[in-house]
């Protein structure tokens, strides 16, 4: 089964990601799938969201960084909000990230970060008290990147050094090159990359549903 169609709590991963964008008021989307299973995913998306402005690109890329720029390059003006398909969080938390990121200056790159580590290869982030990312990488830390990014227009047109192939390397280069990069913490984001990650995400989904039905609950953590 293609990863975007893996169900979590009854909904494919791609449905949750699209739903998060719509909940945040974003109604024009670009999605890239690789060619292995991509057309199946594209048909599913068009069938499930026939009235949403979605451009689907089916292309097998050489790296996560190439996929990132192929999507970002389709957004010609203003900041681009980008999410990986396997970053599972509640709509409330996604919306809070979008709203928090929008409060930063328009030339700022903003990353979602989380203290919840459920990743085989986490990208650790060190933030100062203002939320500025001082370093990315290393063996340990208190926060890891969470697969959601707000990227300003000028960053999407930078000439990057040769040899950068992974998105994590590009993000680390942004920090070391002096670009303003900030992190916004989300308490729980599950990177659904392995079979054992699905029960973790489903537990988070159950917690979200319980909090939604509890009148005394104002947010999901």
C-alpha atoms as a PDB file:
ATOM      1  CA  UNK A   1       0.000   0.000   0.000  1.00  0.00           C
ATOM      2  CA  UNK A   2       1.363   3.468  -0.822  1.00  0.00           C
ATOM      3  CA  UNK A   3       2.261   5.323   2.389  1.00  0.00           C
ATOM      4  CA  UNK A   4      -0.160   8.233   1.744  1.00  0.00           C
ATOM      5  CA  UNK A   5      -3.064   5.757   1.788  1.00  0.00           C
ATOM      6  CA  UNK A   6      -2.063   3.989   5.023  1.00  0.00           C
ATOM      7  CA  UNK A   7      -5.067   4.400   7.342  1.00  0.00           C
ATOM      8  CA  UNK A   8      -4.739   5.886  10.816  1.00  0.00           C
ATOM      9  CA  UNK A   9      -7.933   5.808  12.881  1.00  0.00           C
ATOM     10  CA  UNK A  10      -9.912   5.060   9.727  1.00  0.00           C
ATOM     11  CA  UNK A  11      -8.524   7.870   7.558  1.00  0.00           C
ATOM     12  CA  UNK A  12      -5.560   7.666   5.146  1.00  0.00           C
ATOM     13  CA  UNK A  13      -2.547   9.796   6.031  1.00  0.00           C
ATOM     14  CA  UNK A  14      -3.086  12.013   2.995  1.00  0.00           C
ATOM     15  CA  UNK A  15      -6.682  12.704   4.041  1.00  0.00           C
ATOM     16  CA  UNK A  16      -5.526  13.919   7.446  1.00  0.00           C
ATOM     17  CA  UNK A  17      -2.887  16.204   5.939  1.00  0.00           C
ATOM     18  CA  UNK A  18      -5.339  17.743   3.464  1.00  0.00           C
ATOM     19  CA  UNK A  19      -7.907  18.064   6.247  1.00  0.00           C
ATOM     20  CA  UNK A  20      -5.376  19.917   8.399  1.00  0.00           C
ATOM     21  CA  UNK A  21      -4.686  22.413   5.617  1.00  0.00           C
ATOM     22  CA  UNK A  22      -8.403  22.995   5.067  1.00  0.00           C
ATOM     23  CA  UNK A  23      -8.958  23.415   8.830  1.00  0.00           C
ATOM     24  CA  UNK A  24      -6.273  26.114   8.776  1.00  0.00           C
ATOM     25  CA  UNK A  25      -8.092  27.956   5.979  1.00  0.00           C
ATOM     26  CA  UNK A  26      -5.702  26.942   3.178  1.00  0.00           C
ATOM     27  CA  UNK A  27      -7.664  25.854   0.137  1.00  0.00           C
ATOM     28  CA  UNK A  28      -5.112  25.766  -2.704  1.00  0.00           C
ATOM     29  CA  UNK A  29      -2.719  22.820  -2.482  1.00  0.00           C
ATOM     30  CA  UNK A  30       0.115  21.190  -4.424  1.00  0.00           C
ATOM     31  CA  UNK A  31       0.852  17.523  -3.700  1.00  0.00           C
ATOM     32  CA  UNK A  32       3.729  15.417  -4.994  1.00  0.00           C
ATOM     33  CA  UNK A  33       3.586  11.619  -5.115  1.00  0.00           C
ATOM     34  CA  UNK A  34       6.300   9.334  -6.438  1.00  0.00           C
ATOM     35  CA  UNK A  35       5.476   7.200  -9.436  1.00  0.00           C
ATOM     36  CA  UNK A  36       5.217   3.982  -7.416  1.00  0.00           C
ATOM     37  CA  UNK A  37       1.595   4.160  -6.316  1.00  0.00           C
ATOM     38  CA  UNK A  38       1.352   7.847  -7.134  1.00  0.00           C
ATOM     39  CA  UNK A  39      -1.392   7.574  -9.708  1.00  0.00           C
ATOM     40  CA  UNK A  40      -3.485   5.496  -7.327  1.00  0.00           C
ATOM     41  CA  UNK A  41      -3.002   8.182  -4.688  1.00  0.00           C
ATOM     42  CA  UNK A  42      -3.853  10.938  -7.184  1.00  0.00           C
ATOM     43  CA  UNK A  43      -7.108   9.218  -8.147  1.00  0.00           C
ATOM     44  CA  UNK A  44      -8.021   8.808  -4.490  1.00  0.00           C
ATOM     45  CA  UNK A  45      -7.360  12.486  -3.717  1.00  0.00           C
ATOM     46  CA  UNK A  46      -9.395  13.733  -6.680  1.00  0.00           C
ATOM     47  CA  UNK A  47     -12.264  11.427  -5.754  1.00  0.00           C
ATOM     48  CA  UNK A  48     -12.231  12.358  -2.066  1.00  0.00           C
ATOM     49  CA  UNK A  49     -11.749  16.127  -2.537  1.00  0.00           C
ATOM     50  CA  UNK A  50     -13.377  16.956  -5.902  1.00  0.00           C
ATOM     51  CA  UNK A  51     -14.136  20.573  -4.964  1.00  0.00           C
ATOM     52  CA  UNK A  52     -10.728  21.499  -3.530  1.00  0.00           C
ATOM     53  CA  UNK A  53      -8.121  23.311  -5.651  1.00  0.00           C
ATOM     54  CA  UNK A  54      -5.432  20.615  -5.666  1.00  0.00           C
ATOM     55  CA  UNK A  55      -2.601  20.285  -8.170  1.00  0.00           C
ATOM     56  CA  UNK A  56      -1.117  16.776  -8.139  1.00  0.00           C
ATOM     57  CA  UNK A  57       2.421  16.078  -9.370  1.00  0.00           C
ATOM     58  CA  UNK A  58       3.360  12.435  -9.951  1.00  0.00           C
ATOM     59  CA  UNK A  59       7.151  12.326 -10.112  1.00  0.00           C
ATOM     60  CA  UNK A  60       9.819  10.108  -8.611  1.00  0.00           C
ATOM     61  CA  UNK A  61      12.521  12.423  -7.309  1.00  0.00           C
ATOM     62  CA  UNK A  62      16.097  11.722  -6.362  1.00  0.00           C
ATOM     63  CA  UNK A  63      15.789  13.092  -2.835  1.00  0.00           C
ATOM     64  CA  UNK A  64      13.573  14.680  -0.225  1.00  0.00           C
ATOM     65  CA  UNK A  65      15.126  18.043  -1.086  1.00  0.00           C
ATOM     66  CA  UNK A  66      14.167  17.717  -4.749  1.00  0.00           C
ATOM     67  CA  UNK A  67      10.581  16.888  -3.757  1.00  0.00           C
ATOM     68  CA  UNK A  68      10.564  19.895  -1.440  1.00  0.00           C
ATOM     69  CA  UNK A  69      11.656  22.300  -4.166  1.00  0.00           C
ATOM     70  CA  UNK A  70       9.345  20.804  -6.799  1.00  0.00           C
ATOM     71  CA  UNK A  71       6.405  21.592  -4.524  1.00  0.00           C
ATOM     72  CA  UNK A  72       7.767  24.936  -3.333  1.00  0.00           C
ATOM     73  CA  UNK A  73       8.509  25.983  -6.906  1.00  0.00           C
ATOM     74  CA  UNK A  74       4.822  25.726  -7.815  1.00  0.00           C
ATOM     75  CA  UNK A  75       4.013  28.421  -5.259  1.00  0.00           C
ATOM     76  CA  UNK A  76       5.101  31.620  -6.924  1.00  0.00           C
ATOM     77  CA  UNK A  77       4.446  34.333  -4.351  1.00  0.00           C
ATOM     78  CA  UNK A  78       4.364  34.695  -0.599  1.00  0.00           C
ATOM     79  CA  UNK A  79       5.210  32.100   2.046  1.00  0.00           C
ATOM     80  CA  UNK A  80       4.713  28.398   1.327  1.00  0.00           C
ATOM     81  CA  UNK A  81       3.298  26.083   3.962  1.00  0.00           C
ATOM     82  CA  UNK A  82       4.656  22.574   3.435  1.00  0.00           C
ATOM     83  CA  UNK A  83       3.970  19.308   5.257  1.00  0.00           C
ATOM     84  CA  UNK A  84       5.230  15.783   4.801  1.00  0.00           C
ATOM     85  CA  UNK A  85       2.509  13.144   4.540  1.00  0.00           C
ATOM     86  CA  UNK A  86       3.729  11.166   7.549  1.00  0.00           C
ATOM     87  CA  UNK A  87       3.646  14.039  10.066  1.00  0.00           C
ATOM     88  CA  UNK A  88       0.507  13.126  12.034  1.00  0.00           C
ATOM     89  CA  UNK A  89      -0.937  15.704  14.428  1.00  0.00           C
ATOM     90  CA  UNK A  90      -4.354  16.991  15.391  1.00  0.00           C
ATOM     91  CA  UNK A  91      -6.058  19.705  13.283  1.00  0.00           C
ATOM     92  CA  UNK A  92      -6.026  22.004  16.325  1.00  0.00           C
ATOM     93  CA  UNK A  93      -2.252  21.690  16.677  1.00  0.00           C
ATOM     94  CA  UNK A  94      -1.682  22.163  12.952  1.00  0.00           C
ATOM     95  CA  UNK A  95      -3.849  25.275  12.932  1.00  0.00           C
ATOM     96  CA  UNK A  96      -1.994  26.628  15.983  1.00  0.00           C
ATOM     97  CA  UNK A  97       1.310  26.094  14.169  1.00  0.00           C
ATOM     98  CA  UNK A  98       0.066  27.946  11.084  1.00  0.00           C
ATOM     99  CA  UNK A  99      -1.243  30.845  13.163  1.00  0.00           C
ATOM    100  CA  UNK A 100       1.970  31.046  15.185  1.00  0.00           C
ATOM    101  CA  UNK A 101       4.157  30.889  12.081  1.00  0.00           C
ATOM    102  CA  UNK A 102       2.169  33.708  10.453  1.00  0.00           C
ATOM    103  CA  UNK A 103       3.048  36.014  13.345  1.00  0.00           C
ATOM    104  CA  UNK A 104       6.750  35.876  12.455  1.00  0.00           C
ATOM    105  CA  UNK A 105       8.323  38.368  10.030  1.00  0.00           C
ATOM    106  CA  UNK A 106       7.704  37.441   6.379  1.00  0.00           C
ATOM    107  CA  UNK A 107      11.392  36.670   5.713  1.00  0.00           C
ATOM    108  CA  UNK A 108      11.502  34.014   8.458  1.00  0.00           C
ATOM    109  CA  UNK A 109      11.542  30.252   7.968  1.00  0.00           C
ATOM    110  CA  UNK A 110       9.444  28.547  10.643  1.00  0.00           C
ATOM    111  CA  UNK A 111       9.642  24.873  11.604  1.00  0.00           C
ATOM    112  CA  UNK A 112       7.292  22.774  13.690  1.00  0.00           C
ATOM    113  CA  UNK A 113       9.243  21.053  16.457  1.00  0.00           C
ATOM    114  CA  UNK A 114       8.156  18.562  19.084  1.00  0.00           C
ATOM    115  CA  UNK A 115       9.536  17.010  22.268  1.00  0.00           C
ATOM    116  CA  UNK A 116       7.795  13.755  21.290  1.00  0.00           C
ATOM    117  CA  UNK A 117      10.458  11.632  19.593  1.00  0.00           C
ATOM    118  CA  UNK A 118       8.997   8.837  17.446  1.00  0.00           C
ATOM    119  CA  UNK A 119      11.494   8.803  14.603  1.00  0.00           C
ATOM    120  CA  UNK A 120      14.316   6.442  13.709  1.00  0.00           C
ATOM    121  CA  UNK A 121      16.483   9.344  12.543  1.00  0.00           C
ATOM    122  CA  UNK A 122      15.320  12.464  14.361  1.00  0.00           C
ATOM    123  CA  UNK A 123      16.672  15.874  13.416  1.00  0.00           C
ATOM    124  CA  UNK A 124      17.387  17.505  16.744  1.00  0.00           C
ATOM    125  CA  UNK A 125      16.771  21.233  17.117  1.00  0.00           C
ATOM    126  CA  UNK A 126      18.287  23.595  19.681  1.00  0.00           C
ATOM    127  CA  UNK A 127      16.139  26.692  20.294  1.00  0.00           C
ATOM    128  CA  UNK A 128      16.872  29.751  22.391  1.00  0.00           C
ATOM    129  CA  UNK A 129      14.303  31.376  24.682  1.00  0.00           C
ATOM    130  CA  UNK A 130      12.841  33.409  21.815  1.00  0.00           C
ATOM    131  CA  UNK A 131      12.277  30.273  19.718  1.00  0.00           C
ATOM    132  CA  UNK A 132      15.144  31.013  17.321  1.00  0.00           C
ATOM    133  CA  UNK A 133      16.759  27.818  16.041  1.00  0.00           C
ATOM    134  CA  UNK A 134      20.444  27.958  16.982  1.00  0.00           C
ATOM    135  CA  UNK A 135      21.427  24.578  15.543  1.00  0.00           C
ATOM    136  CA  UNK A 136      19.997  21.549  13.781  1.00  0.00           C
ATOM    137  CA  UNK A 137      21.515  18.083  13.979  1.00  0.00           C
ATOM    138  CA  UNK A 138      23.603  16.264  16.531  1.00  0.00           C
ATOM    139  CA  UNK A 139      22.929  13.161  18.574  1.00  0.00           C
ATOM    140  CA  UNK A 140      20.617  14.476  21.293  1.00  0.00           C
ATOM    141  CA  UNK A 141      18.473  17.437  22.261  1.00  0.00           C
ATOM    142  CA  UNK A 142      15.099  18.449  23.683  1.00  0.00           C
ATOM    143  CA  UNK A 143      13.155  19.012  20.439  1.00  0.00           C
ATOM    144  CA  UNK A 144      13.071  17.382  17.016  1.00  0.00           C
ATOM    145  CA  UNK A 145      11.738  18.735  13.741  1.00  0.00           C
ATOM    146  CA  UNK A 146       8.175  17.631  12.995  1.00  0.00           C
ATOM    147  CA  UNK A 147       7.760  17.686   9.206  1.00  0.00           C
ATOM    148  CA  UNK A 148       5.901  20.998   8.842  1.00  0.00           C
ATOM    149  CA  UNK A 149       7.451  24.185   7.510  1.00  0.00           C
ATOM    150  CA  UNK A 150       6.554  27.753   6.573  1.00  0.00           C
ATOM    151  CA  UNK A 151       9.096  28.856   3.955  1.00  0.00           C
ATOM    152  CA  UNK A 152       9.379  32.479   2.763  1.00  0.00           C
ATOM    153  CA  UNK A 153       9.537  33.296  -0.926  1.00  0.00           C
ATOM    154  CA  UNK A 154      13.206  34.333  -0.983  1.00  0.00           C
ATOM    155  CA  UNK A 155      14.349  31.078   0.636  1.00  0.00           C
ATOM    156  CA  UNK A 156      12.711  29.104  -2.174  1.00  0.00           C
ATOM    157  CA  UNK A 157      14.928  30.879  -4.713  1.00  0.00           C
ATOM    158  CA  UNK A 158      18.274  30.617  -2.896  1.00  0.00           C
ATOM    159  CA  UNK A 159      21.280  29.138  -4.679  1.00  0.00           C
ATOM    160  CA  UNK A 160      22.169  26.216  -2.468  1.00  0.00           C
ATOM    161  CA  UNK A 161      25.608  24.592  -2.195  1.00  0.00           C
ATOM    162  CA  UNK A 162      26.348  21.561  -4.322  1.00  0.00           C
ATOM    163  CA  UNK A 163      26.089  18.256  -2.492  1.00  0.00           C
ATOM    164  CA  UNK A 164      22.953  19.028  -0.504  1.00  0.00           C
ATOM    165  CA  UNK A 165      20.520  16.198  -1.229  1.00  0.00           C
ATOM    166  CA  UNK A 166      18.378  15.880   1.879  1.00  0.00           C
ATOM    167  CA  UNK A 167      15.853  18.338   3.231  1.00  0.00           C
ATOM    168  CA  UNK A 168      17.447  18.116   6.675  1.00  0.00           C
ATOM    169  CA  UNK A 169      20.802  19.175   5.208  1.00  0.00           C
ATOM    170  CA  UNK A 170      19.155  22.179   3.544  1.00  0.00           C
ATOM    171  CA  UNK A 171      17.461  23.229   6.793  1.00  0.00           C
ATOM    172  CA  UNK A 172      20.747  22.901   8.687  1.00  0.00           C
ATOM    173  CA  UNK A 173      22.453  25.001   6.003  1.00  0.00           C
ATOM    174  CA  UNK A 174      19.813  27.713   6.394  1.00  0.00           C
ATOM    175  CA  UNK A 175      20.638  27.962  10.096  1.00  0.00           C
ATOM    176  CA  UNK A 176      24.422  27.997   9.653  1.00  0.00           C
ATOM    177  CA  UNK A 177      24.212  30.503   6.792  1.00  0.00           C
ATOM    178  CA  UNK A 178      22.497  33.042   9.031  1.00  0.00           C
ATOM    179  CA  UNK A 179      18.936  32.828   7.706  1.00  0.00           C
ATOM    180  CA  UNK A 180      16.367  33.551  10.445  1.00  0.00           C
ATOM    181  CA  UNK A 181      14.849  30.185  11.393  1.00  0.00           C
ATOM    182  CA  UNK A 182      12.381  29.745  14.251  1.00  0.00           C
ATOM    183  CA  UNK A 183      10.694  26.749  15.815  1.00  0.00           C
ATOM    184  CA  UNK A 184       7.150  26.436  17.126  1.00  0.00           C
ATOM    185  CA  UNK A 185       6.647  23.529  19.543  1.00  0.00           C
ATOM    186  CA  UNK A 186       3.795  21.062  19.101  1.00  0.00           C
ATOM    187  CA  UNK A 187       3.417  18.723  22.053  1.00  0.00           C
ATOM    188  CA  UNK A 188       2.812  15.548  20.043  1.00  0.00           C
ATOM    189  CA  UNK A 189       3.551  14.829  16.385  1.00  0.00           C
ATOM    190  CA  UNK A 190       3.952  11.214  15.269  1.00  0.00           C
ATOM    191  CA  UNK A 191       6.220  10.470  12.319  1.00  0.00           C
ATOM    192  CA  UNK A 192       4.295   7.558  10.785  1.00  0.00           C
ATOM    193  CA  UNK A 193       7.168   5.841   9.038  1.00  0.00           C
ATOM    194  CA  UNK A 194       6.926   2.292  10.437  1.00  0.00           C
ATOM    195  CA  UNK A 195       4.135  -0.117  11.248  1.00  0.00           C
ATOM    196  CA  UNK A 196       4.601   0.422  14.964  1.00  0.00           C
ATOM    197  CA  UNK A 197       4.019   4.157  14.516  1.00  0.00           C
ATOM    198  CA  UNK A 198       0.383   3.602  13.473  1.00  0.00           C
ATOM    199  CA  UNK A 199      -0.834   2.635  16.999  1.00  0.00           C
ATOM    200  CA  UNK A 200       0.898   5.751  18.386  1.00  0.00           C
ATOM    201  CA  UNK A 201      -0.923   7.975  15.914  1.00  0.00           C
ATOM    202  CA  UNK A 202      -4.214   6.197  16.592  1.00  0.00           C
ATOM    203  CA  UNK A 203      -3.786   6.789  20.326  1.00  0.00           C
ATOM    204  CA  UNK A 204      -3.312  10.484  19.574  1.00  0.00           C
ATOM    205  CA  UNK A 205      -6.442  10.418  17.407  1.00  0.00           C
ATOM    206  CA  UNK A 206      -8.430   8.853  20.248  1.00  0.00           C
ATOM    207  CA  UNK A 207      -7.171  11.517  22.649  1.00  0.00           C
ATOM    208  CA  UNK A 208      -8.179  14.249  20.202  1.00  0.00           C
ATOM    209  CA  UNK A 209     -11.693  12.831  19.801  1.00  0.00           C
ATOM    210  CA  UNK A 210     -12.144  12.580  23.576  1.00  0.00           C
ATOM    211  CA  UNK A 211     -11.050  16.179  24.064  1.00  0.00           C
ATOM    212  CA  UNK A 212     -13.340  17.349  21.265  1.00  0.00           C
ATOM    213  CA  UNK A 213     -16.362  15.890  23.068  1.00  0.00           C
ATOM    214  CA  UNK A 214     -15.349  17.295  26.448  1.00  0.00           C
ATOM    215  CA  UNK A 215     -16.844  20.808  26.893  1.00  0.00           C
ATOM    216  CA  UNK A 216     -14.226  21.681  29.503  1.00  0.00           C
ATOM    217  CA  UNK A 217     -11.369  21.019  27.102  1.00  0.00           C
ATOM    218  CA  UNK A 218     -10.129  24.024  25.139  1.00  0.00           C
ATOM    219  CA  UNK A 219      -7.128  22.488  23.372  1.00  0.00           C
ATOM    220  CA  UNK A 220      -5.501  19.181  22.596  1.00  0.00           C
ATOM    221  CA  UNK A 221      -2.018  18.435  23.848  1.00  0.00           C
END
